[in-house]
């Protein structure tokens, strides 16, 4: 399981490499590959924050629009009959339609 850090709206992973004896991670939720590493919790946190700051500064310097992390909002347009069937299944499962959809999508 990966651990996560957050800074300026960005999320970063933290993993441990036994082979290299260090912590490492990358920004998640964006397509650009931004990575960082450190040997302690304080170093990895500082490296993560510096990576975010450097990414934003590089984007500003080059005129590139920085990618924004996924917001967690996902809008679907459904056929009304499918919408009704899903709502009924959600009720039968004792869940909100949103929670039912999240559960179904998590297993896809």
N, C-alpha and C. Protein backbone atom coordinates (compact mmCIF):
# COMPACT_ATOMS: atom_id res chain seq x y z
N UNK A 1 0.84 -1.19 0.00
CA UNK A 1 0.00 0.00 0.00
C UNK A 1 0.88 1.24 0.00
N UNK A 2 0.50 2.20 -0.80
CA UNK A 2 1.26 3.44 -0.89
C UNK A 2 0.72 4.44 0.13
N UNK A 3 1.62 5.22 0.66
CA UNK A 3 1.23 6.32 1.53
C UNK A 3 1.18 7.58 0.67
N UNK A 4 0.34 8.53 1.07
CA UNK A 4 0.13 9.73 0.28
C UNK A 4 0.44 11.00 1.07
N UNK A 5 0.92 12.01 0.35
CA UNK A 5 1.13 13.34 0.91
C UNK A 5 0.37 14.32 0.02
N UNK A 6 -0.01 15.46 0.58
CA UNK A 6 -0.72 16.48 -0.20
C UNK A 6 -0.06 17.84 0.00
N UNK A 7 -0.01 18.60 -1.11
CA UNK A 7 0.61 19.93 -1.07
C UNK A 7 0.12 20.71 -2.28
N UNK A 8 -0.42 21.91 -2.03
CA UNK A 8 -0.89 22.80 -3.09
C UNK A 8 -1.84 22.10 -4.07
N UNK A 9 -2.67 21.23 -3.53
CA UNK A 9 -3.66 20.53 -4.35
C UNK A 9 -3.12 19.30 -5.07
N UNK A 10 -1.84 19.00 -4.94
CA UNK A 10 -1.24 17.84 -5.57
C UNK A 10 -1.07 16.72 -4.55
N UNK A 11 -1.12 15.50 -5.03
CA UNK A 11 -0.95 14.32 -4.19
C UNK A 11 0.30 13.60 -4.65
N UNK A 12 1.10 13.17 -3.69
CA UNK A 12 2.31 12.42 -3.99
C UNK A 12 2.34 11.11 -3.24
N UNK A 13 2.90 10.10 -3.88
CA UNK A 13 3.03 8.79 -3.25
C UNK A 13 4.34 8.72 -2.48
N UNK A 14 4.41 7.78 -1.55
CA UNK A 14 5.64 7.49 -0.82
C UNK A 14 5.78 5.98 -0.75
N UNK A 15 6.90 5.49 -1.26
CA UNK A 15 7.20 4.06 -1.19
C UNK A 15 8.63 3.90 -0.68
N UNK A 16 8.95 2.68 -0.29
CA UNK A 16 10.29 2.38 0.21
C UNK A 16 10.98 1.40 -0.72
N UNK A 17 12.21 1.70 -1.08
CA UNK A 17 13.02 0.78 -1.88
C UNK A 17 14.03 0.13 -0.95
N UNK A 18 13.83 -1.14 -0.68
CA UNK A 18 14.77 -1.86 0.18
C UNK A 18 16.14 -1.97 -0.51
N UNK A 19 16.10 -2.15 -1.83
CA UNK A 19 17.34 -2.27 -2.60
C UNK A 19 18.20 -1.03 -2.49
N UNK A 20 17.57 0.15 -2.60
CA UNK A 20 18.32 1.42 -2.55
C UNK A 20 18.36 2.02 -1.15
N UNK A 21 17.55 1.51 -0.24
CA UNK A 21 17.52 2.04 1.12
C UNK A 21 17.02 3.46 1.20
N UNK A 22 16.02 3.80 0.35
CA UNK A 22 15.50 5.16 0.39
C UNK A 22 13.99 5.16 0.15
N UNK A 23 13.40 6.29 0.47
CA UNK A 23 12.00 6.54 0.17
C UNK A 23 11.93 7.22 -1.18
N UNK A 24 10.89 6.94 -1.95
CA UNK A 24 10.73 7.58 -3.24
C UNK A 24 9.24 7.72 -3.53
N UNK A 25 8.92 8.56 -4.49
CA UNK A 25 7.52 8.73 -4.87
C UNK A 25 7.40 9.55 -6.13
N UNK A 26 6.16 9.76 -6.54
CA UNK A 26 5.87 10.59 -7.69
C UNK A 26 4.51 11.24 -7.51
N UNK A 27 4.30 12.34 -8.24
CA UNK A 27 3.00 12.99 -8.19
C UNK A 27 1.99 12.06 -8.84
N UNK A 28 0.84 11.94 -8.23
CA UNK A 28 -0.20 11.11 -8.82
C UNK A 28 -1.36 11.98 -9.26
N UNK A 29 -2.15 11.46 -10.18
CA UNK A 29 -3.31 12.19 -10.66
C UNK A 29 -3.01 13.12 -11.82
N UNK A 30 -1.76 13.11 -12.31
CA UNK A 30 -1.42 13.89 -13.50
C UNK A 30 -0.60 12.99 -14.42
N UNK A 31 -0.55 13.33 -15.70
CA UNK A 31 0.19 12.53 -16.67
C UNK A 31 1.68 12.85 -16.68
N UNK A 32 2.06 14.10 -16.35
CA UNK A 32 3.48 14.45 -16.29
C UNK A 32 4.15 13.58 -15.22
N UNK A 33 5.37 13.15 -15.49
CA UNK A 33 6.08 12.30 -14.54
C UNK A 33 7.00 13.17 -13.69
N UNK A 34 6.62 13.34 -12.45
CA UNK A 34 7.37 14.15 -11.49
C UNK A 34 7.70 13.24 -10.31
N UNK A 35 8.99 12.97 -10.09
CA UNK A 35 9.38 12.06 -9.02
C UNK A 35 10.30 12.76 -8.04
N UNK A 36 10.54 12.12 -6.91
CA UNK A 36 11.36 12.68 -5.83
C UNK A 36 11.80 11.53 -4.94
N UNK A 37 12.80 11.78 -4.11
CA UNK A 37 13.25 10.75 -3.16
C UNK A 37 13.89 11.40 -1.95
N UNK A 38 14.04 10.62 -0.90
CA UNK A 38 14.67 11.09 0.34
C UNK A 38 15.00 9.90 1.22
N UNK A 39 15.78 10.16 2.24
CA UNK A 39 16.20 9.08 3.14
C UNK A 39 15.44 9.07 4.46
N UNK A 40 14.59 10.06 4.68
CA UNK A 40 13.80 10.12 5.91
C UNK A 40 12.44 10.72 5.58
N UNK A 41 11.55 10.67 6.55
CA UNK A 41 10.22 11.23 6.34
C UNK A 41 10.32 12.73 6.07
N UNK A 42 11.13 13.43 6.84
CA UNK A 42 11.24 14.87 6.61
C UNK A 42 11.88 15.17 5.25
N UNK A 43 12.84 14.36 4.82
CA UNK A 43 13.47 14.58 3.51
C UNK A 43 12.49 14.31 2.37
N UNK A 44 11.71 13.24 2.48
CA UNK A 44 10.78 12.91 1.39
C UNK A 44 9.68 13.97 1.31
N UNK A 45 9.23 14.46 2.44
CA UNK A 45 8.20 15.51 2.44
C UNK A 45 8.75 16.78 1.80
N UNK A 46 9.97 17.15 2.18
CA UNK A 46 10.60 18.35 1.60
C UNK A 46 10.83 18.16 0.09
N UNK A 47 11.29 16.98 -0.31
CA UNK A 47 11.53 16.70 -1.73
C UNK A 47 10.22 16.75 -2.52
N UNK A 48 9.15 16.22 -1.94
CA UNK A 48 7.83 16.26 -2.58
C UNK A 48 7.39 17.71 -2.79
N UNK A 49 7.48 18.53 -1.74
CA UNK A 49 7.06 19.92 -1.84
C UNK A 49 7.93 20.69 -2.83
N UNK A 50 9.23 20.41 -2.85
CA UNK A 50 10.12 21.06 -3.82
C UNK A 50 9.77 20.62 -5.23
N UNK A 51 9.42 19.35 -5.41
CA UNK A 51 9.05 18.86 -6.74
C UNK A 51 7.80 19.57 -7.26
N UNK A 52 6.82 19.77 -6.38
CA UNK A 52 5.61 20.50 -6.77
C UNK A 52 5.96 21.95 -7.12
N UNK A 53 6.73 22.60 -6.25
CA UNK A 53 7.11 23.99 -6.50
C UNK A 53 7.92 24.11 -7.80
N UNK A 54 8.87 23.20 -8.02
CA UNK A 54 9.68 23.22 -9.25
C UNK A 54 8.81 22.99 -10.49
N UNK A 55 7.86 22.05 -10.39
CA UNK A 55 6.96 21.76 -11.50
C UNK A 55 6.16 23.01 -11.87
N UNK A 56 5.60 23.67 -10.87
CA UNK A 56 4.81 24.87 -11.11
C UNK A 56 5.67 26.00 -11.67
N UNK A 57 6.90 26.14 -11.14
CA UNK A 57 7.81 27.18 -11.62
C UNK A 57 8.23 26.90 -13.07
N UNK A 58 8.54 25.63 -13.38
CA UNK A 58 8.92 25.27 -14.75
C UNK A 58 7.78 25.54 -15.72
N UNK A 59 6.57 25.20 -15.32
CA UNK A 59 5.42 25.46 -16.18
C UNK A 59 5.26 26.95 -16.43
N UNK A 60 5.40 27.75 -15.37
CA UNK A 60 5.27 29.20 -15.52
C UNK A 60 6.36 29.75 -16.43
N UNK A 61 7.59 29.24 -16.28
CA UNK A 61 8.72 29.74 -17.08
C UNK A 61 8.59 29.37 -18.55
N UNK A 62 7.97 28.24 -18.84
CA UNK A 62 7.85 27.79 -20.23
C UNK A 62 6.50 28.15 -20.85
N UNK A 63 5.61 28.71 -20.05
CA UNK A 63 4.29 29.07 -20.55
C UNK A 63 3.35 27.88 -20.67
N UNK A 64 3.73 26.77 -20.09
CA UNK A 64 2.89 25.57 -20.13
C UNK A 64 1.87 25.64 -18.99
N UNK A 65 0.66 25.23 -19.28
CA UNK A 65 -0.38 25.16 -18.25
C UNK A 65 -0.12 23.91 -17.40
N UNK A 66 0.09 24.06 -16.09
CA UNK A 66 0.34 22.86 -15.28
C UNK A 66 -0.90 21.97 -15.25
N UNK A 67 -0.67 20.68 -15.27
CA UNK A 67 -1.79 19.75 -15.15
C UNK A 67 -2.40 19.89 -13.77
N UNK A 68 -3.70 19.77 -13.71
CA UNK A 68 -4.38 19.81 -12.43
C UNK A 68 -4.71 18.38 -12.03
N UNK A 69 -4.56 18.07 -10.75
CA UNK A 69 -4.89 16.72 -10.29
C UNK A 69 -6.37 16.43 -10.48
N UNK A 70 -6.68 15.15 -10.57
CA UNK A 70 -8.08 14.75 -10.66
C UNK A 70 -8.82 15.25 -9.43
N UNK A 71 -10.03 15.74 -9.64
CA UNK A 71 -10.79 16.33 -8.54
C UNK A 71 -11.58 15.31 -7.73
N UNK A 72 -11.82 14.15 -8.32
CA UNK A 72 -12.67 13.17 -7.66
C UNK A 72 -14.10 13.25 -8.14
N UNK A 73 -14.39 14.26 -8.96
CA UNK A 73 -15.73 14.38 -9.55
C UNK A 73 -15.71 13.75 -10.93
N UNK A 74 -16.76 12.98 -11.22
CA UNK A 74 -16.83 12.25 -12.47
C UNK A 74 -18.29 12.26 -12.89
N UNK A 75 -18.62 13.01 -13.93
CA UNK A 75 -20.01 13.19 -14.34
C UNK A 75 -20.32 12.22 -15.48
N UNK A 76 -21.42 11.52 -15.36
CA UNK A 76 -21.87 10.59 -16.40
C UNK A 76 -23.23 11.03 -16.93
N UNK A 77 -23.44 10.80 -18.22
CA UNK A 77 -24.76 10.99 -18.81
C UNK A 77 -25.26 9.60 -19.19
N UNK A 78 -26.39 9.22 -18.63
CA UNK A 78 -26.93 7.87 -18.82
C UNK A 78 -28.29 7.91 -19.49
N UNK A 79 -28.59 6.81 -20.11
CA UNK A 79 -29.95 6.58 -20.59
C UNK A 79 -30.85 6.56 -19.36
N UNK A 80 -32.01 7.22 -19.37
CA UNK A 80 -32.88 7.27 -18.19
C UNK A 80 -33.25 5.88 -17.64
N UNK A 81 -33.42 4.90 -18.51
CA UNK A 81 -33.75 3.55 -18.03
C UNK A 81 -32.59 2.94 -17.26
N UNK A 82 -31.37 3.12 -17.74
CA UNK A 82 -30.19 2.62 -17.02
C UNK A 82 -30.07 3.34 -15.68
N UNK A 83 -30.30 4.64 -15.66
CA UNK A 83 -30.25 5.43 -14.44
C UNK A 83 -31.23 4.86 -13.41
N UNK A 84 -32.44 4.56 -13.86
CA UNK A 84 -33.47 4.01 -12.96
C UNK A 84 -33.05 2.64 -12.43
N UNK A 85 -32.51 1.77 -13.30
CA UNK A 85 -32.08 0.43 -12.86
C UNK A 85 -30.96 0.52 -11.83
N UNK A 86 -30.02 1.42 -12.09
CA UNK A 86 -28.92 1.58 -11.14
C UNK A 86 -29.41 2.13 -9.80
N UNK A 87 -30.33 3.08 -9.85
CA UNK A 87 -30.89 3.63 -8.62
C UNK A 87 -31.61 2.56 -7.82
N UNK A 88 -32.34 1.68 -8.52
CA UNK A 88 -33.05 0.60 -7.85
C UNK A 88 -32.05 -0.37 -7.21
N UNK A 89 -30.99 -0.73 -7.92
CA UNK A 89 -29.98 -1.63 -7.36
C UNK A 89 -29.28 -1.01 -6.16
N UNK A 90 -29.04 0.29 -6.23
CA UNK A 90 -28.41 0.99 -5.11
C UNK A 90 -29.31 0.93 -3.89
N UNK A 91 -30.62 1.19 -4.09
CA UNK A 91 -31.58 1.11 -2.98
C UNK A 91 -31.60 -0.29 -2.38
N UNK A 92 -31.62 -1.30 -3.25
CA UNK A 92 -31.63 -2.69 -2.78
C UNK A 92 -30.37 -3.02 -1.98
N UNK A 93 -29.26 -2.39 -2.34
CA UNK A 93 -28.00 -2.62 -1.62
C UNK A 93 -27.88 -1.74 -0.38
N UNK A 94 -28.87 -0.86 -0.16
CA UNK A 94 -28.84 0.03 0.99
C UNK A 94 -27.80 1.13 0.86
N UNK A 95 -27.54 1.54 -0.38
CA UNK A 95 -26.52 2.56 -0.64
C UNK A 95 -27.10 3.71 -1.45
N UNK A 96 -26.41 4.84 -1.39
CA UNK A 96 -26.76 5.94 -2.29
C UNK A 96 -26.33 5.53 -3.70
N UNK A 97 -26.92 6.16 -4.69
CA UNK A 97 -26.52 5.87 -6.07
C UNK A 97 -25.04 6.17 -6.26
N UNK A 98 -24.57 7.26 -5.68
CA UNK A 98 -23.15 7.62 -5.80
C UNK A 98 -22.27 6.52 -5.21
N UNK A 99 -22.57 6.06 -3.99
CA UNK A 99 -21.74 5.04 -3.36
C UNK A 99 -21.81 3.72 -4.13
N UNK A 100 -22.99 3.38 -4.63
CA UNK A 100 -23.14 2.16 -5.42
C UNK A 100 -22.27 2.24 -6.68
N UNK A 101 -22.30 3.37 -7.36
CA UNK A 101 -21.50 3.55 -8.57
C UNK A 101 -20.01 3.49 -8.26
N UNK A 102 -19.59 4.12 -7.16
CA UNK A 102 -18.18 4.07 -6.76
C UNK A 102 -17.76 2.64 -6.50
N UNK A 103 -18.59 1.87 -5.81
CA UNK A 103 -18.26 0.46 -5.53
C UNK A 103 -18.16 -0.36 -6.81
N UNK A 104 -19.11 -0.16 -7.72
CA UNK A 104 -19.09 -0.89 -8.99
C UNK A 104 -17.84 -0.53 -9.80
N UNK A 105 -17.55 0.76 -9.89
CA UNK A 105 -16.39 1.21 -10.66
C UNK A 105 -15.08 0.74 -10.03
N UNK A 106 -15.03 0.68 -8.71
CA UNK A 106 -13.81 0.23 -8.04
C UNK A 106 -13.48 -1.21 -8.37
N UNK A 107 -14.48 -1.98 -8.72
CA UNK A 107 -14.26 -3.39 -9.05
C UNK A 107 -14.15 -3.64 -10.55
N UNK A 108 -14.19 -2.57 -11.33
CA UNK A 108 -14.11 -2.73 -12.81
C UNK A 108 -12.68 -2.92 -13.25
